[in-house]
Amino acid sequence: MILLNTVILEVKKSKFVGYYYKIDSIEEIESILVSLKKAHKKARHLPYAYKFGSMLKKSDDKEPTNTAGVPILNIIEKKQMDNVLIVIVRYFGGVKLGAGGLIRSYGKCANLVSEKENR
């Protein structure tokens, strides 16, 4: 695994920290998620999406259904990326963003963090 980029996006006091990894195996994903959960103990959510060959997976990690994992996965598919994992750590800032706000924020953060590889 190689960490290619990180980015921080702030939206209405919520902080979104994006991590973009190039992965060599599915097994690496679990260890990355465990280490990020340890590093961000106060974070509310750690949604992610990955594409490894023909395997796709997304997780909203307790965000409302399809408001986090889907927008991340959409960026991966739109940019035709492969063997990648994008994790976005969210620190809740006290202001509810609503479903549309979450979708836009997670999508924007995923797009920003993945720009390094796709310029």
N, C-alpha and C. Protein backbone atom coordinates (compact mmCIF):
# COMPACT_ATOMS: atom_id res chain seq x y z
N MET A 1 0.84 -1.18 0.00
CA MET A 1 0.00 0.00 0.00
C MET A 1 0.88 1.24 0.00
N ILE A 2 0.42 2.25 -0.69
CA ILE A 2 1.12 3.53 -0.74
C ILE A 2 0.10 4.63 -0.51
N LEU A 3 0.36 5.49 0.47
CA LEU A 3 -0.50 6.65 0.68
C LEU A 3 -0.09 7.70 -0.35
N LEU A 4 -0.98 8.00 -1.29
CA LEU A 4 -0.66 8.92 -2.37
C LEU A 4 -0.98 10.37 -2.03
N ASN A 5 -2.00 10.59 -1.21
CA ASN A 5 -2.40 11.96 -0.94
C ASN A 5 -3.33 12.03 0.26
N THR A 6 -3.32 13.17 0.92
CA THR A 6 -4.31 13.47 1.96
C THR A 6 -4.80 14.89 1.71
N VAL A 7 -6.00 15.16 2.17
CA VAL A 7 -6.57 16.49 2.02
C VAL A 7 -7.55 16.74 3.17
N ILE A 8 -7.70 18.00 3.55
CA ILE A 8 -8.67 18.37 4.58
C ILE A 8 -9.65 19.36 3.97
N LEU A 9 -10.93 19.07 4.15
CA LEU A 9 -12.00 19.92 3.66
C LEU A 9 -12.88 20.27 4.84
N GLU A 10 -13.19 21.55 5.02
CA GLU A 10 -14.08 21.96 6.10
C GLU A 10 -15.40 22.46 5.51
N VAL A 11 -16.50 21.92 6.01
CA VAL A 11 -17.84 22.30 5.55
C VAL A 11 -18.72 22.51 6.78
N LYS A 12 -19.15 23.74 6.99
CA LYS A 12 -20.03 24.08 8.13
C LYS A 12 -19.54 23.46 9.43
N LYS A 13 -18.30 23.69 9.74
CA LYS A 13 -17.63 23.24 10.97
C LYS A 13 -17.30 21.75 11.02
N SER A 14 -17.81 20.95 10.09
CA SER A 14 -17.41 19.54 10.01
C SER A 14 -16.10 19.48 9.24
N LYS A 15 -15.22 18.60 9.69
CA LYS A 15 -13.92 18.45 9.03
C LYS A 15 -13.88 17.08 8.36
N PHE A 16 -13.57 17.08 7.07
CA PHE A 16 -13.44 15.86 6.27
C PHE A 16 -11.97 15.69 5.93
N VAL A 17 -11.39 14.57 6.36
CA VAL A 17 -9.98 14.29 6.10
C VAL A 17 -9.92 13.11 5.13
N GLY A 18 -9.48 13.40 3.91
CA GLY A 18 -9.45 12.37 2.88
C GLY A 18 -8.09 11.70 2.77
N TYR A 19 -8.11 10.39 2.60
CA TYR A 19 -6.90 9.58 2.41
C TYR A 19 -7.06 8.79 1.13
N TYR A 20 -6.03 8.83 0.31
CA TYR A 20 -6.05 8.15 -0.98
C TYR A 20 -4.88 7.18 -1.05
N TYR A 21 -5.19 5.89 -1.17
CA TYR A 21 -4.17 4.84 -1.17
C TYR A 21 -4.18 4.06 -2.47
N LYS A 22 -3.00 3.68 -2.91
CA LYS A 22 -2.84 2.67 -3.96
C LYS A 22 -2.64 1.36 -3.20
N ILE A 23 -3.45 0.35 -3.50
CA ILE A 23 -3.38 -0.91 -2.74
C ILE A 23 -2.91 -2.06 -3.64
N ASP A 24 -2.24 -3.03 -2.99
CA ASP A 24 -1.73 -4.20 -3.69
C ASP A 24 -2.56 -5.45 -3.43
N SER A 25 -3.43 -5.39 -2.38
CA SER A 25 -4.27 -6.54 -2.07
C SER A 25 -5.47 -6.09 -1.24
N ILE A 26 -6.51 -6.89 -1.26
CA ILE A 26 -7.71 -6.62 -0.46
C ILE A 26 -7.38 -6.66 1.04
N GLU A 27 -6.46 -7.54 1.41
CA GLU A 27 -6.10 -7.70 2.83
C GLU A 27 -5.53 -6.41 3.44
N GLU A 28 -4.91 -5.58 2.63
CA GLU A 28 -4.35 -4.32 3.14
C GLU A 28 -5.42 -3.37 3.64
N ILE A 29 -6.61 -3.47 3.08
CA ILE A 29 -7.67 -2.51 3.40
C ILE A 29 -8.02 -2.55 4.88
N GLU A 30 -8.19 -3.73 5.43
CA GLU A 30 -8.55 -3.85 6.84
C GLU A 30 -7.50 -3.23 7.76
N SER A 31 -6.23 -3.45 7.47
CA SER A 31 -5.18 -2.87 8.32
C SER A 31 -5.14 -1.36 8.19
N ILE A 32 -5.42 -0.83 7.00
CA ILE A 32 -5.48 0.63 6.82
C ILE A 32 -6.63 1.20 7.65
N LEU A 33 -7.80 0.56 7.57
CA LEU A 33 -8.97 1.05 8.32
C LEU A 33 -8.73 1.00 9.82
N VAL A 34 -8.12 -0.08 10.30
CA VAL A 34 -7.82 -0.20 11.73
C VAL A 34 -6.87 0.91 12.17
N SER A 35 -5.83 1.16 11.40
CA SER A 35 -4.86 2.20 11.79
C SER A 35 -5.48 3.59 11.73
N LEU A 36 -6.36 3.85 10.76
CA LEU A 36 -7.02 5.15 10.71
C LEU A 36 -7.98 5.34 11.88
N LYS A 37 -8.67 4.26 12.28
CA LYS A 37 -9.58 4.35 13.44
C LYS A 37 -8.80 4.65 14.72
N LYS A 38 -7.60 4.08 14.84
CA LYS A 38 -6.75 4.37 16.01
C LYS A 38 -6.26 5.81 15.97
N ALA A 39 -5.89 6.28 14.80
CA ALA A 39 -5.34 7.64 14.65
C ALA A 39 -6.42 8.71 14.82
N HIS A 40 -7.67 8.36 14.54
CA HIS A 40 -8.76 9.34 14.59
C HIS A 40 -9.84 8.87 15.56
N LYS A 41 -9.48 8.68 16.81
CA LYS A 41 -10.40 8.13 17.81
C LYS A 41 -11.63 9.00 18.04
N LYS A 42 -11.52 10.29 17.84
CA LYS A 42 -12.65 11.19 18.10
C LYS A 42 -13.52 11.42 16.86
N ALA A 43 -13.16 10.82 15.76
CA ALA A 43 -13.95 10.99 14.53
C ALA A 43 -15.27 10.23 14.65
N ARG A 44 -16.30 10.78 14.06
CA ARG A 44 -17.62 10.16 14.09
C ARG A 44 -17.77 9.06 13.03
N HIS A 45 -17.22 9.30 11.85
CA HIS A 45 -17.45 8.39 10.72
C HIS A 45 -16.17 8.21 9.91
N LEU A 46 -15.97 6.99 9.37
CA LEU A 46 -14.85 6.70 8.47
C LEU A 46 -15.37 5.94 7.25
N PRO A 47 -16.20 6.57 6.44
CA PRO A 47 -16.68 5.88 5.24
C PRO A 47 -15.56 5.73 4.22
N TYR A 48 -15.72 4.75 3.33
CA TYR A 48 -14.69 4.49 2.34
C TYR A 48 -15.29 3.81 1.13
N ALA A 49 -14.49 3.76 0.09
CA ALA A 49 -14.82 2.97 -1.10
C ALA A 49 -13.51 2.50 -1.71
N TYR A 50 -13.57 1.34 -2.35
CA TYR A 50 -12.39 0.87 -3.06
C TYR A 50 -12.77 0.14 -4.33
N LYS A 51 -11.81 0.08 -5.22
CA LYS A 51 -11.91 -0.74 -6.42
C LYS A 51 -10.59 -1.48 -6.54
N PHE A 52 -10.69 -2.80 -6.59
CA PHE A 52 -9.52 -3.64 -6.75
C PHE A 52 -9.86 -4.68 -7.81
N GLY A 53 -9.34 -4.46 -9.01
CA GLY A 53 -9.72 -5.33 -10.13
C GLY A 53 -11.21 -5.21 -10.38
N SER A 54 -11.92 -6.32 -10.35
CA SER A 54 -13.37 -6.29 -10.57
C SER A 54 -14.14 -6.12 -9.26
N MET A 55 -13.45 -6.05 -8.14
CA MET A 55 -14.11 -5.92 -6.83
C MET A 55 -14.33 -4.46 -6.47
N LEU A 56 -15.57 -4.16 -6.13
CA LEU A 56 -15.95 -2.82 -5.66
C LEU A 56 -16.61 -2.96 -4.31
N LYS A 57 -16.33 -2.01 -3.42
CA LYS A 57 -17.03 -2.00 -2.14
C LYS A 57 -17.10 -0.57 -1.64
N LYS A 58 -18.17 -0.29 -0.92
CA LYS A 58 -18.34 1.02 -0.30
C LYS A 58 -18.94 0.84 1.08
N SER A 59 -18.67 1.79 1.96
CA SER A 59 -19.25 1.78 3.29
C SER A 59 -19.61 3.20 3.69
N ASP A 60 -20.82 3.37 4.24
CA ASP A 60 -21.26 4.67 4.75
C ASP A 60 -20.81 4.88 6.20
N ASP A 61 -20.37 3.84 6.88
CA ASP A 61 -19.95 3.89 8.28
C ASP A 61 -20.89 4.74 9.14
N LYS A 62 -22.13 4.34 9.20
CA LYS A 62 -23.15 4.94 10.06
C LYS A 62 -23.65 6.31 9.60
N GLU A 63 -23.21 6.78 8.44
CA GLU A 63 -23.83 7.96 7.85
C GLU A 63 -25.16 7.48 7.24
N PRO A 64 -26.09 8.39 6.95
CA PRO A 64 -27.33 7.94 6.30
C PRO A 64 -27.02 7.17 5.00
N THR A 65 -27.83 6.18 4.71
CA THR A 65 -27.60 5.29 3.56
C THR A 65 -27.31 6.05 2.27
N ASN A 66 -26.24 5.64 1.62
CA ASN A 66 -25.80 6.15 0.32
C ASN A 66 -25.39 7.63 0.30
N THR A 67 -25.07 8.21 1.45
CA THR A 67 -24.64 9.61 1.48
C THR A 67 -23.12 9.76 1.56
N ALA A 68 -22.40 8.67 1.77
CA ALA A 68 -20.93 8.76 1.92
C ALA A 68 -20.21 7.80 0.99
N GLY A 69 -20.47 6.52 1.11
CA GLY A 69 -19.77 5.52 0.29
C GLY A 69 -20.05 5.67 -1.20
N VAL A 70 -21.30 5.95 -1.57
CA VAL A 70 -21.66 6.08 -2.98
C VAL A 70 -20.95 7.25 -3.65
N PRO A 71 -20.95 8.46 -3.05
CA PRO A 71 -20.23 9.55 -3.73
C PRO A 71 -18.72 9.29 -3.85
N ILE A 72 -18.13 8.59 -2.88
CA ILE A 72 -16.71 8.25 -2.97
C ILE A 72 -16.50 7.26 -4.13
N LEU A 73 -17.32 6.23 -4.17
CA LEU A 73 -17.22 5.22 -5.23
C LEU A 73 -17.48 5.84 -6.60
N ASN A 74 -18.41 6.79 -6.67
CA ASN A 74 -18.69 7.47 -7.95
C ASN A 74 -17.44 8.16 -8.50
N ILE A 75 -16.65 8.78 -7.63
CA ILE A 75 -15.41 9.44 -8.07
C ILE A 75 -14.43 8.41 -8.61
N ILE A 76 -14.28 7.30 -7.89
CA ILE A 76 -13.37 6.23 -8.32
C ILE A 76 -13.78 5.73 -9.72
N GLU A 77 -15.08 5.50 -9.91
CA GLU A 77 -15.55 4.99 -11.20
C GLU A 77 -15.45 6.05 -12.30
N LYS A 78 -15.80 7.28 -11.98
CA LYS A 78 -15.76 8.36 -12.96
C LYS A 78 -14.34 8.57 -13.49
N LYS A 79 -13.35 8.45 -12.60
CA LYS A 79 -11.95 8.65 -12.99
C LYS A 79 -11.30 7.35 -13.47
N GLN A 80 -12.09 6.28 -13.54
CA GLN A 80 -11.61 4.97 -14.00
C GLN A 80 -10.35 4.53 -13.24
N MET A 81 -10.39 4.67 -11.94
CA MET A 81 -9.26 4.30 -11.09
C MET A 81 -9.35 2.81 -10.76
N ASP A 82 -8.20 2.20 -10.48
CA ASP A 82 -8.17 0.79 -10.10
C ASP A 82 -7.11 0.59 -9.03
N ASN A 83 -7.32 -0.43 -8.20
CA ASN A 83 -6.41 -0.76 -7.09
C ASN A 83 -6.25 0.45 -6.16
N VAL A 84 -7.38 1.07 -5.82
CA VAL A 84 -7.36 2.25 -4.96
C VAL A 84 -8.36 2.11 -3.81
N LEU A 85 -8.03 2.78 -2.74
CA LEU A 85 -8.90 2.90 -1.57
C LEU A 85 -8.94 4.38 -1.20
N ILE A 86 -10.15 4.92 -1.05
CA ILE A 86 -10.31 6.28 -0.55
C ILE A 86 -11.12 6.20 0.74
N VAL A 87 -10.55 6.73 1.81
CA VAL A 87 -11.20 6.78 3.11
C VAL A 87 -11.35 8.26 3.47
N ILE A 88 -12.53 8.63 3.94
CA ILE A 88 -12.75 10.00 4.37
C ILE A 88 -13.21 9.98 5.82
N VAL A 89 -12.38 10.55 6.67
CA VAL A 89 -12.65 10.63 8.10
C VAL A 89 -13.45 11.90 8.35
N ARG A 90 -14.60 11.78 9.03
CA ARG A 90 -15.41 12.96 9.30
C ARG A 90 -15.47 13.25 10.79
N TYR A 91 -15.12 14.50 11.12
CA TYR A 91 -15.29 15.02 12.46
C TYR A 91 -16.52 15.91 12.42
N PHE A 92 -17.57 15.54 13.15
CA PHE A 92 -18.83 16.30 13.16
C PHE A 92 -18.61 17.64 13.84
N GLY A 93 -19.05 18.70 13.17
CA GLY A 93 -18.84 20.05 13.68
C GLY A 93 -20.02 20.65 14.40
N GLY A 94 -21.11 19.88 14.59
CA GLY A 94 -22.26 20.38 15.31
C GLY A 94 -23.38 20.90 14.43
N VAL A 95 -23.14 21.01 13.14
CA VAL A 95 -24.16 21.49 12.20
C VAL A 95 -24.52 20.34 11.26
N LYS A 96 -25.80 19.95 11.25
CA LYS A 96 -26.23 18.87 10.35
C LYS A 96 -26.19 19.37 8.92
N LEU A 97 -25.63 18.55 8.04
CA LEU A 97 -25.46 18.93 6.64
C LEU A 97 -26.60 18.46 5.75
N GLY A 98 -27.40 17.53 6.23
CA GLY A 98 -28.46 16.95 5.41
C GLY A 98 -27.89 15.99 4.39
N ALA A 99 -28.76 15.21 3.78
CA ALA A 99 -28.30 14.19 2.82
C ALA A 99 -27.56 14.83 1.64
N GLY A 100 -28.11 15.88 1.07
CA GLY A 100 -27.47 16.55 -0.07
C GLY A 100 -26.12 17.12 0.30
N GLY A 101 -26.03 17.72 1.48
CA GLY A 101 -24.77 18.29 1.95
C GLY A 101 -23.70 17.24 2.18
N LEU A 102 -24.12 16.08 2.71
CA LEU A 102 -23.18 14.99 2.92
C LEU A 102 -22.68 14.44 1.58
N ILE A 103 -23.60 14.22 0.65
CA ILE A 103 -23.23 13.69 -0.66
C ILE A 103 -22.23 14.63 -1.35
N ARG A 104 -22.53 15.93 -1.33
CA ARG A 104 -21.63 16.91 -1.96
C ARG A 104 -20.27 16.95 -1.26
N SER A 105 -20.28 16.93 0.07
CA SER A 105 -19.03 17.03 0.84
C SER A 105 -18.14 15.81 0.64
N TYR A 106 -18.72 14.61 0.74
CA TYR A 106 -17.92 13.40 0.54
C TYR A 106 -17.42 13.31 -0.90
N GLY A 107 -18.26 13.67 -1.87
CA GLY A 107 -17.85 13.65 -3.27
C GLY A 107 -16.74 14.64 -3.54
N LYS A 108 -16.87 15.84 -2.98
CA LYS A 108 -15.84 16.87 -3.20
C LYS A 108 -14.51 16.46 -2.57
N CYS A 109 -14.57 15.93 -1.36
CA CYS A 109 -13.34 15.50 -0.67
C CYS A 109 -12.67 14.36 -1.44
N ALA A 110 -13.46 13.40 -1.92
CA ALA A 110 -12.90 12.28 -2.69
C ALA A 110 -12.28 12.78 -3.98
N ASN A 111 -12.91 13.75 -4.62
CA ASN A 111 -12.38 14.30 -5.85
C ASN A 111 -11.06 15.03 -5.58
N LEU A 112 -11.04 15.84 -4.53
CA LEU A 112 -9.83 16.59 -4.19
C LEU A 112 -8.66 15.67 -3.84
N VAL A 113 -8.91 14.67 -3.03
CA VAL A 113 -7.81 13.80 -2.58
C VAL A 113 -7.27 12.95 -3.73
N SER A 114 -8.11 12.66 -4.71
CA SER A 114 -7.66 11.82 -5.82
C SER A 114 -7.07 12.61 -6.98
N GLU A 115 -7.04 13.92 -6.88
CA GLU A 115 -6.51 14.75 -7.97
C GLU A 115 -5.03 14.52 -8.23
N LYS A 116 -4.27 14.22 -7.19
CA LYS A 116 -2.81 14.03 -7.33
C LYS A 116 -2.48 13.02 -8.43
N GLU A 117 -3.23 11.94 -8.48
CA GLU A 117 -2.96 10.85 -9.43
C GLU A 117 -3.54 11.14 -10.82
N ASN A 118 -4.51 12.03 -10.89
CA ASN A 118 -5.25 12.18 -12.15
C ASN A 118 -5.11 13.55 -12.79
N ARG A 119 -3.98 14.21 -12.62
CA ARG A 119 -3.80 15.53 -13.23
C ARG A 119 -3.31 15.39 -14.64
